[in-house]
Protein backbone atom coordinates (compact mmCIF):
# COMPACT_ATOMS: atom_id res chain seq x y z
CA MET A 1 0.00 0.00 0.00
CA GLU A 2 2.68 2.49 1.03
CA GLN A 3 4.76 1.80 -2.07
CA ARG A 4 1.86 2.63 -4.37
CA LYS A 5 1.23 5.92 -2.57
CA GLN A 6 4.86 6.93 -2.91
CA ASN A 7 5.16 6.00 -6.57
CA ALA A 8 1.88 7.31 -7.95
CA LYS A 9 2.06 10.55 -9.89
CA ILE A 10 -0.79 13.02 -9.58
CA SER A 11 -1.55 15.64 -12.21
CA ILE A 12 -3.46 18.65 -10.90
CA VAL A 13 -5.13 20.78 -13.57
CA VAL A 14 -5.76 24.44 -12.69
CA PRO A 15 -7.63 26.67 -15.17
CA VAL A 16 -6.62 30.31 -14.72
CA TYR A 17 -8.45 33.41 -15.87
CA ASN A 18 -7.77 36.80 -14.23
CA THR A 19 -7.38 35.53 -10.67
CA ALA A 20 -4.11 37.25 -9.79
CA ALA A 21 -5.39 38.24 -6.34
CA TYR A 22 -5.98 34.60 -5.39
CA LEU A 23 -3.42 32.75 -7.49
CA PRO A 24 -0.35 32.87 -5.18
CA ALA A 25 -2.28 31.25 -2.32
CA CYS A 26 -3.52 28.55 -4.68
CA ILE A 27 -0.04 27.81 -6.03
CA GLU A 28 1.57 27.83 -2.56
CA SER A 29 -0.99 25.32 -1.32
CA LEU A 30 -0.16 22.96 -4.20
CA ILE A 31 3.64 23.17 -4.10
CA GLY A 32 3.38 22.55 -0.34
CA GLN A 33 1.53 19.24 -0.68
CA THR A 34 2.81 16.37 1.45
CA HIS A 35 2.57 14.10 -1.60
CA ARG A 36 5.52 15.31 -3.63
CA ASP A 37 5.19 13.46 -6.96
CA LEU A 38 3.01 16.07 -8.61
CA GLU A 39 2.55 17.56 -12.04
CA LEU A 40 0.93 20.97 -11.63
CA ILE A 41 -0.63 22.05 -14.92
CA PHE A 42 -1.81 25.65 -14.98
CA VAL A 43 -3.80 26.55 -18.08
CA ASP A 44 -3.82 30.32 -18.62
CA ASP A 45 -7.10 30.88 -20.44
CA GLY A 46 -6.23 34.25 -21.97
CA SER A 47 -5.78 36.19 -18.72
CA THR A 48 -5.39 39.95 -19.06
CA ASP A 49 -4.23 40.67 -15.50
CA ALA A 50 -0.99 39.65 -13.75
CA SER A 51 -1.89 35.95 -13.64
CA GLY A 52 0.50 35.03 -16.46
CA ALA A 53 3.46 36.73 -14.81
CA ILE A 54 2.69 35.05 -11.49
CA LEU A 55 2.58 31.64 -13.15
CA ASP A 56 5.90 32.23 -14.95
CA ALA A 57 7.60 33.30 -11.71
CA TYR A 58 6.51 30.16 -9.88
CA ALA A 59 7.30 27.89 -12.84
CA ALA A 60 10.88 29.23 -12.84
CA LYS A 61 11.27 28.05 -9.24
CA ASP A 62 9.48 24.68 -9.28
CA PRO A 63 10.02 22.20 -12.15
CA ARG A 64 6.74 20.43 -11.31
CA ILE A 65 4.81 23.44 -12.62
CA ARG A 66 3.80 23.50 -16.28
CA VAL A 67 2.13 26.55 -17.79
CA LEU A 68 -0.07 26.14 -20.85
CA ARG A 69 -1.52 29.14 -22.64
CA GLN A 70 -4.55 29.51 -24.88
CA ALA A 71 -6.86 32.23 -26.13
CA ASN A 72 -9.85 32.64 -23.83
CA ALA A 73 -12.11 29.65 -24.44
CA GLY A 74 -13.68 29.01 -21.04
CA VAL A 75 -13.01 26.78 -18.07
CA SER A 76 -14.04 23.52 -19.76
CA ALA A 77 -11.69 24.03 -22.70
CA ALA A 78 -8.91 24.93 -20.27
CA ARG A 79 -9.51 21.81 -18.19
CA ASN A 80 -9.63 19.65 -21.30
CA ALA A 81 -6.28 21.08 -22.41
CA GLY A 82 -4.87 20.18 -19.00
CA ILE A 83 -6.29 16.66 -19.21
CA ASP A 84 -4.75 16.19 -22.66
CA ALA A 85 -1.34 17.28 -21.33
CA ALA A 86 -1.47 15.29 -18.07
CA THR A 87 0.93 12.37 -17.61
CA GLY A 88 -0.01 11.36 -14.06
CA ASP A 89 -1.60 8.14 -12.81
CA TYR A 90 -4.37 10.23 -11.27
CA ILE A 91 -5.86 13.56 -12.31
CA GLY A 92 -7.37 16.19 -10.03
CA PHE A 93 -8.69 19.70 -10.51
CA VAL A 94 -8.23 22.85 -8.44
CA ASP A 95 -9.75 26.27 -9.15
CA SER A 96 -7.24 29.12 -9.22
CA ASP A 97 -9.18 31.23 -6.69
CA ASP A 98 -9.24 28.41 -4.11
CA PHE A 99 -6.58 26.53 -2.14
CA ALA A 100 -6.05 23.12 -0.56
CA GLU A 101 -4.85 21.65 2.72
CA PRO A 102 -1.29 20.21 2.63
CA THR A 103 -2.65 16.64 2.86
CA TYR A 104 -5.24 17.11 0.10
CA CYS A 105 -3.45 14.98 -2.51
CA GLU A 106 -2.08 12.44 -0.05
CA THR A 107 -5.47 11.74 1.52
CA LEU A 108 -7.32 11.49 -1.79
CA LEU A 109 -4.67 9.12 -3.13
CA ALA A 110 -4.75 6.93 0.00
CA ALA A 111 -8.36 5.98 -0.76
CA PHE A 112 -7.23 4.27 -3.97
CA ASP A 113 -4.80 2.17 -1.93
CA ALA A 114 -7.44 1.20 0.61
CA HIS A 115 -10.17 0.65 -1.98
CA PRO A 116 -8.64 -0.40 -5.32
CA GLU A 117 -12.10 -0.97 -6.80
CA ILE A 118 -12.89 2.76 -6.93
CA GLY A 119 -12.36 5.14 -9.83
CA VAL A 120 -12.92 8.39 -7.92
CA SER A 121 -11.74 9.62 -4.51
CA ILE A 122 -13.63 12.51 -2.91
CA CYS A 123 -13.13 14.82 0.07
CA SER A 124 -15.24 17.41 1.85
CA ARG A 125 -14.44 21.15 1.79
CA PHE A 126 -14.36 24.37 3.76
CA ILE A 127 -16.47 27.25 2.41
CA HIS A 128 -15.29 30.83 2.84
CA GLY A 129 -17.44 33.94 2.49
CA HIS A 130 -20.81 32.23 2.05
CA PRO A 131 -23.63 34.70 2.88
CA ASN A 132 -25.56 32.20 5.00
CA GLY A 133 -22.53 31.52 7.17
CA GLN A 134 -21.95 27.98 5.95
CA THR A 135 -18.38 26.95 6.63
CA GLN A 136 -18.18 23.25 5.86
CA GLY A 137 -19.60 20.82 3.33
CA ALA A 138 -22.17 18.12 4.05
CA THR A 139 -20.95 14.61 4.87
CA LEU A 140 -23.83 12.30 3.91
CA GLY A 141 -22.42 9.03 2.57
CA ALA A 142 -18.91 9.65 3.90
CA GLY A 143 -16.64 6.90 5.15
CA ARG A 144 -17.61 4.13 2.75
CA VAL A 145 -17.28 3.00 -0.82
CA LEU A 146 -20.23 4.29 -2.82
CA SER A 147 -21.87 2.37 -5.62
CA ALA A 148 -22.20 4.09 -8.98
CA HIS A 149 -25.89 4.66 -8.13
CA ASP A 150 -25.16 6.29 -4.76
CA ALA A 151 -22.28 8.37 -6.11
CA ALA A 152 -24.51 9.78 -8.85
CA LEU A 153 -27.31 10.40 -6.34
CA PHE A 154 -25.06 12.37 -4.00
CA ALA A 155 -23.52 14.28 -6.91
CA VAL A 156 -26.88 15.64 -8.09
CA SER A 157 -28.38 16.29 -4.62
CA ILE A 158 -27.84 19.94 -3.70
CA GLY A 159 -26.34 20.52 -0.25
CA LYS A 160 -26.63 16.94 0.99
CA SER A 161 -23.22 15.50 0.18
CA PHE A 162 -20.15 16.16 -2.00
CA GLU A 163 -22.09 17.38 -5.10
CA GLY A 164 -20.80 17.49 -8.66
CA TYR A 165 -17.76 19.72 -8.41
CA LEU A 166 -14.43 18.59 -9.84
CA TRP A 167 -12.16 20.27 -7.31
CA ASN A 168 -12.94 17.92 -4.39
CA LYS A 169 -12.24 14.78 -6.42
CA LEU A 170 -9.27 12.77 -7.65
CA PHE A 171 -9.89 10.58 -10.70
CA SER A 172 -8.07 7.57 -12.09
CA ALA A 173 -6.34 8.89 -15.21
CA LYS A 174 -7.68 5.87 -17.12
CA LEU A 175 -11.11 7.52 -17.12
CA PHE A 176 -9.72 10.28 -19.33
CA ARG A 177 -6.90 8.48 -21.09
CA GLU A 178 -8.66 5.21 -21.94
CA ALA A 179 -12.40 5.86 -21.53
CA GLY A 180 -12.08 9.30 -23.15
CA PHE A 181 -14.17 11.39 -20.75
CA ARG A 182 -13.97 15.15 -21.33
CA LEU A 183 -15.90 18.28 -20.40
CA ASP A 184 -18.26 19.88 -22.90
CA PRO A 185 -16.84 23.34 -23.78
CA SER A 186 -20.28 24.54 -24.95
CA LEU A 187 -21.53 24.47 -21.33
CA ALA A 188 -20.69 27.31 -18.95
CA ILE A 189 -22.49 25.95 -15.86
CA CYS A 190 -23.05 22.37 -14.64
CA GLU A 191 -20.42 21.09 -17.07
CA ASP A 192 -18.59 19.59 -14.09
CA LEU A 193 -21.73 17.92 -12.73
CA LEU A 194 -22.48 16.45 -16.14
CA LEU A 195 -18.99 14.97 -16.34
CA CYS A 196 -19.27 13.45 -12.86
CA VAL A 197 -22.66 11.91 -13.63
CA GLU A 198 -21.34 10.50 -16.91
CA ILE A 199 -18.39 8.93 -15.08
CA PHE A 200 -20.50 7.44 -12.28
CA ALA A 201 -23.10 6.19 -14.74
CA SER A 202 -20.36 4.26 -16.52
CA GLY A 203 -20.16 2.11 -13.39
CA GLN A 204 -17.41 3.88 -11.45
CA ARG A 205 -17.51 3.58 -7.69
CA ALA A 206 -16.18 6.24 -5.33
CA TYR A 207 -14.93 6.74 -1.80
CA TYR A 208 -15.97 9.89 0.08
CA SER A 209 -13.86 11.14 2.98
CA ASP A 210 -15.50 13.68 5.28
CA ALA A 211 -12.12 15.35 5.85
CA PRO A 212 -12.50 18.99 4.69
CA LEU A 213 -9.31 19.33 2.65
CA TYR A 214 -10.34 21.89 0.04
CA HIS A 215 -10.95 25.60 0.65
CA TYR A 216 -13.65 27.01 -1.62
CA ASN A 217 -13.96 30.79 -1.87
CA TYR A 218 -17.55 31.88 -2.45
CA ARG A 219 -17.49 34.84 -4.85
CA GLU A 220 -20.56 36.93 -5.64
CA ASN A 221 -19.45 37.34 -9.25
CA GLY A 222 -19.06 33.60 -9.76
CA ALA A 223 -20.71 31.93 -12.76
CA LEU A 224 -23.63 30.60 -10.72
CA ARG A 225 -24.48 34.02 -9.28
CA THR A 226 -24.63 36.12 -12.43
CA PHE A 227 -26.88 36.04 -15.47
CA ASP A 228 -25.88 36.32 -19.08
CA GLU A 229 -26.41 34.21 -22.18
CA ARG A 230 -24.05 31.54 -20.87
CA ARG A 231 -26.32 30.93 -17.89
CA MET A 232 -28.89 29.20 -20.07
CA THR A 233 -26.40 26.45 -20.92
CA GLU A 234 -26.96 25.21 -17.36
CA PHE A 235 -30.37 23.93 -18.36
CA ASP A 236 -29.01 22.17 -21.43
CA ALA A 237 -26.62 20.39 -19.07
CA ARG A 238 -29.38 19.58 -16.58
CA GLU A 239 -31.55 18.00 -19.27
CA ARG A 240 -28.67 15.75 -20.27
CA ILE A 241 -28.02 14.93 -16.61
CA GLU A 242 -31.66 13.95 -16.13
CA ALA A 243 -31.53 11.65 -19.16
CA ILE A 244 -28.54 9.83 -17.66
CA CYS A 245 -30.03 9.73 -14.16
CA ALA A 246 -33.22 8.15 -15.53
CA THR A 247 -31.12 5.06 -16.32
CA LEU A 248 -29.90 4.83 -12.70
CA GLY A 249 -33.25 4.77 -10.90
CA ASP A 250 -36.23 6.96 -10.04
CA ASP A 251 -34.59 8.31 -6.88
CA VAL A 252 -31.56 9.58 -8.83
CA LEU A 253 -33.82 11.06 -11.50
CA HIS A 254 -35.97 12.82 -8.90
CA ALA A 255 -32.90 14.26 -7.19
CA ALA A 256 -31.72 15.62 -10.55
CA GLU A 257 -35.16 17.03 -11.32
CA LEU A 258 -35.33 18.65 -7.88
CA SER A 259 -32.01 20.39 -8.43
CA HIS A 260 -33.17 21.49 -11.88
CA VAL A 261 -36.40 22.95 -10.47
CA LYS A 262 -34.63 24.76 -7.61
CA SER A 263 -32.26 26.43 -10.04
CA ALA A 264 -35.16 27.38 -12.33
CA LEU A 265 -37.08 28.79 -9.35
CA ASN A 266 -34.16 31.04 -8.48
CA LEU A 267 -33.99 32.30 -12.03
CA LEU A 268 -37.78 32.70 -12.16
CA ALA A 269 -37.63 35.01 -9.14
CA ALA A 270 -34.78 37.00 -10.70
CA ALA A 271 -36.66 37.25 -14.01
CA LYS A 272 -39.81 38.52 -12.28
CA GLN A 273 -37.83 41.13 -10.39
CA ALA A 274 -36.20 42.24 -13.65
CA LYS A 275 -39.60 42.16 -15.41
CA ASN A 276 -38.15 39.79 -18.01
CA ARG A 277 -41.36 38.09 -19.07
CA SER A 278 -39.89 35.76 -21.71
CA LEU A 279 -37.30 34.41 -19.29
CA ALA A 280 -39.92 34.03 -16.54
CA ASP A 281 -42.21 32.09 -18.91
CA ALA A 282 -39.33 29.83 -19.94
CA MET A 283 -38.53 29.05 -16.30
CA LYS A 284 -42.21 28.37 -15.51
CA ARG A 285 -42.34 25.81 -18.30
CA ARG A 286 -39.24 24.07 -16.97
CA ILE A 287 -40.63 24.01 -13.45
CA ASP A 288 -44.13 22.88 -14.33
CA THR A 289 -42.86 20.09 -16.58
CA ARG A 290 -41.19 18.51 -13.55
CA MET A 291 -43.42 19.54 -10.62
CA HIS A 292 -46.06 16.82 -11.00
CA ASP A 293 -43.41 14.09 -10.96
CA LEU A 294 -41.70 15.58 -7.90
CA LEU A 295 -44.89 16.20 -5.92
CA HIS A 296 -45.84 12.52 -6.34
CA ALA A 297 -42.35 11.08 -5.78
CA PRO A 298 -42.16 8.88 -2.66
CA ASP A 299 -38.46 9.67 -2.19
CA ILE A 300 -39.08 13.46 -1.88
CA SER A 301 -40.03 14.53 1.65
CA ARG A 302 -43.35 16.17 2.46
CA ALA A 303 -41.53 19.28 3.70
CA GLU A 304 -39.58 19.55 0.44
CA LYS A 305 -42.78 19.24 -1.58
CA GLN A 306 -44.42 21.99 0.47
CA LYS A 307 -41.45 24.29 -0.13
CA LEU A 308 -41.73 23.67 -3.85
CA ARG A 309 -45.43 24.58 -3.86
CA ILE A 310 -44.77 27.81 -1.97
CA ARG A 311 -41.79 28.79 -4.08
CA ARG A 312 -43.69 28.15 -7.30
CA ARG A 313 -46.65 30.21 -6.11
CA LEU A 314 -44.61 33.06 -4.58
CA PRO A 315 -41.13 32.96 -6.18
CA VAL A 316 -40.07 36.56 -5.47
CA LEU A 317 -41.34 36.63 -1.89
CA SER A 318 -39.77 33.25 -1.17
CA LEU A 319 -36.41 34.47 -2.44
CA LYS A 320 -36.63 37.68 -0.38
CA LEU A 321 -37.47 35.70 2.75
CA PHE A 322 -34.56 33.37 2.06
CA HIS A 323 -32.12 36.29 1.80
CA LEU A 324 -33.60 37.86 4.94
CA ARG A 325 -33.16 34.62 6.86
CA ARG A 326 -29.55 34.35 5.67
CA ARG A 327 -28.77 37.82 7.00
């Protein structure tokens, strides 16, 4: 077991776009990992701030750092470029405005030694700057090997477990090198969740450690908290996610539909406040298409169903009350 841990090479892919204020802390956390056999691939996605200079300065000091550059093409294209360049036995992902605990790589890798049947190792995370005061991720399902069904279920269930991010996971490189998994560059939101669901649906099992080893910085200008044309790609991704989840069982499908509806409800409230009737109508159609199924699903709690009814009837008021409660 110990020999495998020492010999395994981990490639960490970090997409970078104008995060100079956060980048040094991210890089320092990676070069300070207790697992030393690392390949740190930073993909500069057309940054216009000092990010490029920061990357070059660190690369000159640490031979494990590789800097790739491309015209701005988005986070998925940047991650795919990193995957294509990776030579490690395992591949992980870190966001350039976040940072990791020193034992992040070592702990994630240890799960593969203890559970050689898994394809994905997962950890919990700390959350910084969240408006509702949340500081740590949920731990449902932690401490055991998860079936492909359970891993997909926890990935699509908002706030209950590890969710569908890439940055709290370490993947066997075979999933990318041999099975050919990649992110869809046409998607700006939920592209990571789609990839995780595709991987789990292929039969991959996972181990989830409740150790919070990743530090996620909540930023108000993040992709999930702004609206532009790219935001609508989220719903393209969610439809594809639902189609996959339908093959894994009704409970997984309902969890995916519930997440889809909650996101649409948030956007419905924002559209009503902005008096954007066409967007509001589009969100209503998405919600109503799925509401009947959810309200009659035995695996959705009565309390959750009641919340859905209220939020659908009073979307703006519900959102205002939610923000008030957070403050």
